[in-house]
Amino acid sequence: QFVDQYAEAYCGWVENCGKLAEQFGTLDECLTNRTVFAQAELTPADCDYSPKAAKTCITEIKDNESCNINSAMPEACTEVSSCFGDTGG
């Protein structure tokens, strides 16, 4: 559920900022891209999942009024999974 909410929130933000075409092409392509990203990076299997961080992540994306693509993913999104950024080293 978080994966879908994240993809929808993120792509909605990109679309509202008028950056959808340059970043992803179409809304469907964005949703697919972000769903795959969230499954692989934000909620990998065998990792601890934080519902609180997930909720904060979605809220912060929706509330983000900046259209700076570098601020597209709030820090809370990196805390949804205990494995984010874990390269296994």
C-alpha atoms as a PDB file:
ATOM      1  CA  GLN A   1       0.000   0.000   0.000  1.00  0.00           C
ATOM      2  CA  PHE A   2       2.806   2.434   0.862  1.00  0.00           C
ATOM      3  CA  VAL A   3       4.450   1.773  -2.500  1.00  0.00           C
ATOM      4  CA  ASP A   4       1.306   2.819  -4.393  1.00  0.00           C
ATOM      5  CA  GLN A   5       0.740   5.854  -2.176  1.00  0.00           C
ATOM      6  CA  TYR A   6       4.349   6.919  -2.581  1.00  0.00           C
ATOM      7  CA  ALA A   7       4.225   6.586  -6.379  1.00  0.00           C
ATOM      8  CA  GLU A   8       0.955   8.505  -6.603  1.00  0.00           C
ATOM      9  CA  ALA A   9       2.116  11.274  -4.257  1.00  0.00           C
ATOM     10  CA  TYR A  10       5.485  11.623  -5.957  1.00  0.00           C
ATOM     11  CA  CYS A  11       4.102  11.621  -9.487  1.00  0.00           C
ATOM     12  CA  GLY A  12       1.331  14.005  -8.491  1.00  0.00           C
ATOM     13  CA  TRP A  13       3.968  16.376  -7.145  1.00  0.00           C
ATOM     14  CA  VAL A  14       6.094  16.125 -10.300  1.00  0.00           C
ATOM     15  CA  GLU A  15       3.000  16.673 -12.453  1.00  0.00           C
ATOM     16  CA  ASN A  16       1.889  19.701 -10.404  1.00  0.00           C
ATOM     17  CA  CYS A  17       5.351  21.162 -10.839  1.00  0.00           C
ATOM     18  CA  GLY A  18       5.136  20.749 -14.597  1.00  0.00           C
ATOM     19  CA  LYS A  19       8.161  18.450 -14.643  1.00  0.00           C
ATOM     20  CA  LEU A  20       6.404  15.196 -15.509  1.00  0.00           C
ATOM     21  CA  ALA A  21       7.285  15.202 -19.202  1.00  0.00           C
ATOM     22  CA  GLU A  22      10.959  16.038 -18.701  1.00  0.00           C
ATOM     23  CA  GLN A  23      11.425  13.611 -15.793  1.00  0.00           C
ATOM     24  CA  PHE A  24       9.355  10.609 -16.841  1.00  0.00           C
ATOM     25  CA  GLY A  25       7.325  11.254 -19.976  1.00  0.00           C
ATOM     26  CA  THR A  26       3.848  10.168 -18.926  1.00  0.00           C
ATOM     27  CA  LEU A  27       2.050   9.716 -15.634  1.00  0.00           C
ATOM     28  CA  ASP A  28       1.934   5.948 -16.188  1.00  0.00           C
ATOM     29  CA  GLU A  29       5.694   5.842 -16.762  1.00  0.00           C
ATOM     30  CA  CYS A  30       6.238   7.849 -13.597  1.00  0.00           C
ATOM     31  CA  LEU A  31       3.992   5.566 -11.545  1.00  0.00           C
ATOM     32  CA  THR A  32       5.792   2.485 -12.858  1.00  0.00           C
ATOM     33  CA  ASN A  33       9.219   4.015 -12.229  1.00  0.00           C
ATOM     34  CA  ARG A  34       8.395   5.127  -8.677  1.00  0.00           C
ATOM     35  CA  THR A  35       6.647   1.849  -7.812  1.00  0.00           C
ATOM     36  CA  VAL A  36       9.723  -0.129  -8.844  1.00  0.00           C
ATOM     37  CA  PHE A  37      11.978   2.321  -6.993  1.00  0.00           C
ATOM     38  CA  ALA A  38       9.897   2.162  -3.811  1.00  0.00           C
ATOM     39  CA  GLN A  39       9.740  -1.636  -3.855  1.00  0.00           C
ATOM     40  CA  ALA A  40      13.487  -1.942  -4.369  1.00  0.00           C
ATOM     41  CA  GLU A  41      14.789   0.964  -2.297  1.00  0.00           C
ATOM     42  CA  LEU A  42      12.148   2.048   0.211  1.00  0.00           C
ATOM     43  CA  THR A  43      10.546  -1.273   1.199  1.00  0.00           C
ATOM     44  CA  PRO A  44      12.942  -4.103   0.339  1.00  0.00           C
ATOM     45  CA  ALA A  45      12.023  -7.555   1.558  1.00  0.00           C
ATOM     46  CA  ASP A  46      13.440  -8.742   4.892  1.00  0.00           C
ATOM     47  CA  CYS A  47      13.772  -5.217   6.258  1.00  0.00           C
ATOM     48  CA  ASP A  48      12.054  -3.542   9.155  1.00  0.00           C
ATOM     49  CA  TYR A  49       9.197  -1.334   7.951  1.00  0.00           C
ATOM     50  CA  SER A  50       8.151   1.847   9.742  1.00  0.00           C
ATOM     51  CA  PRO A  51       4.481   2.756   9.195  1.00  0.00           C
ATOM     52  CA  LYS A  52       5.077   6.072  10.972  1.00  0.00           C
ATOM     53  CA  ALA A  53       7.904   7.060   8.629  1.00  0.00           C
ATOM     54  CA  ALA A  54       5.817   5.899   5.655  1.00  0.00           C
ATOM     55  CA  LYS A  55       2.941   8.160   6.668  1.00  0.00           C
ATOM     56  CA  THR A  56       5.290  11.100   7.231  1.00  0.00           C
ATOM     57  CA  CYS A  57       6.952  10.464   3.869  1.00  0.00           C
ATOM     58  CA  ILE A  58       3.626  10.618   1.987  1.00  0.00           C
ATOM     59  CA  THR A  59       2.455  13.693   3.907  1.00  0.00           C
ATOM     60  CA  GLU A  60       5.702  15.565   3.295  1.00  0.00           C
ATOM     61  CA  ILE A  61       5.611  14.824  -0.437  1.00  0.00           C
ATOM     62  CA  LYS A  62       2.024  16.091  -0.659  1.00  0.00           C
ATOM     63  CA  ASP A  63       2.862  19.193   1.394  1.00  0.00           C
ATOM     64  CA  ASN A  64       6.043  20.028  -0.535  1.00  0.00           C
ATOM     65  CA  GLU A  65       5.476  23.356  -2.256  1.00  0.00           C
ATOM     66  CA  SER A  66       8.965  23.578  -3.667  1.00  0.00           C
ATOM     67  CA  CYS A  67       9.422  22.387  -7.212  1.00  0.00           C
ATOM     68  CA  ASN A  68      13.097  21.637  -6.738  1.00  0.00           C
ATOM     69  CA  ILE A  69      13.461  18.066  -7.993  1.00  0.00           C
ATOM     70  CA  ASN A  70      16.260  17.544  -5.461  1.00  0.00           C
ATOM     71  CA  SER A  71      13.783  18.019  -2.622  1.00  0.00           C
ATOM     72  CA  ALA A  72      11.315  15.542  -4.108  1.00  0.00           C
ATOM     73  CA  MET A  73      12.021  12.818  -1.584  1.00  0.00           C
ATOM     74  CA  PRO A  74      11.728  13.917   2.039  1.00  0.00           C
ATOM     75  CA  GLU A  75      14.147  12.447   4.545  1.00  0.00           C
ATOM     76  CA  ALA A  76      11.293  10.519   6.173  1.00  0.00           C
ATOM     77  CA  CYS A  77      11.042   8.410   3.013  1.00  0.00           C
ATOM     78  CA  THR A  78      14.551   7.107   3.603  1.00  0.00           C
ATOM     79  CA  GLU A  79      13.492   5.974   7.083  1.00  0.00           C
ATOM     80  CA  VAL A  80      10.573   3.784   5.945  1.00  0.00           C
ATOM     81  CA  SER A  81      12.864   0.787   5.697  1.00  0.00           C
ATOM     82  CA  SER A  82      15.720  -0.153   7.970  1.00  0.00           C
ATOM     83  CA  CYS A  83      17.651  -1.129   4.836  1.00  0.00           C
ATOM     84  CA  PHE A  84      17.511   2.104   2.827  1.00  0.00           C
ATOM     85  CA  GLY A  85      20.937   2.871   1.404  1.00  0.00           C
ATOM     86  CA  ASP A  86      22.318  -0.356   2.837  1.00  0.00           C
ATOM     87  CA  THR A  87      24.726  -1.670   0.262  1.00  0.00           C
ATOM     88  CA  GLY A  88      25.395  -4.791   2.245  1.00  0.00           C
ATOM     89  CA  GLY A  89      28.788  -3.575   3.389  1.00  0.00           C
END
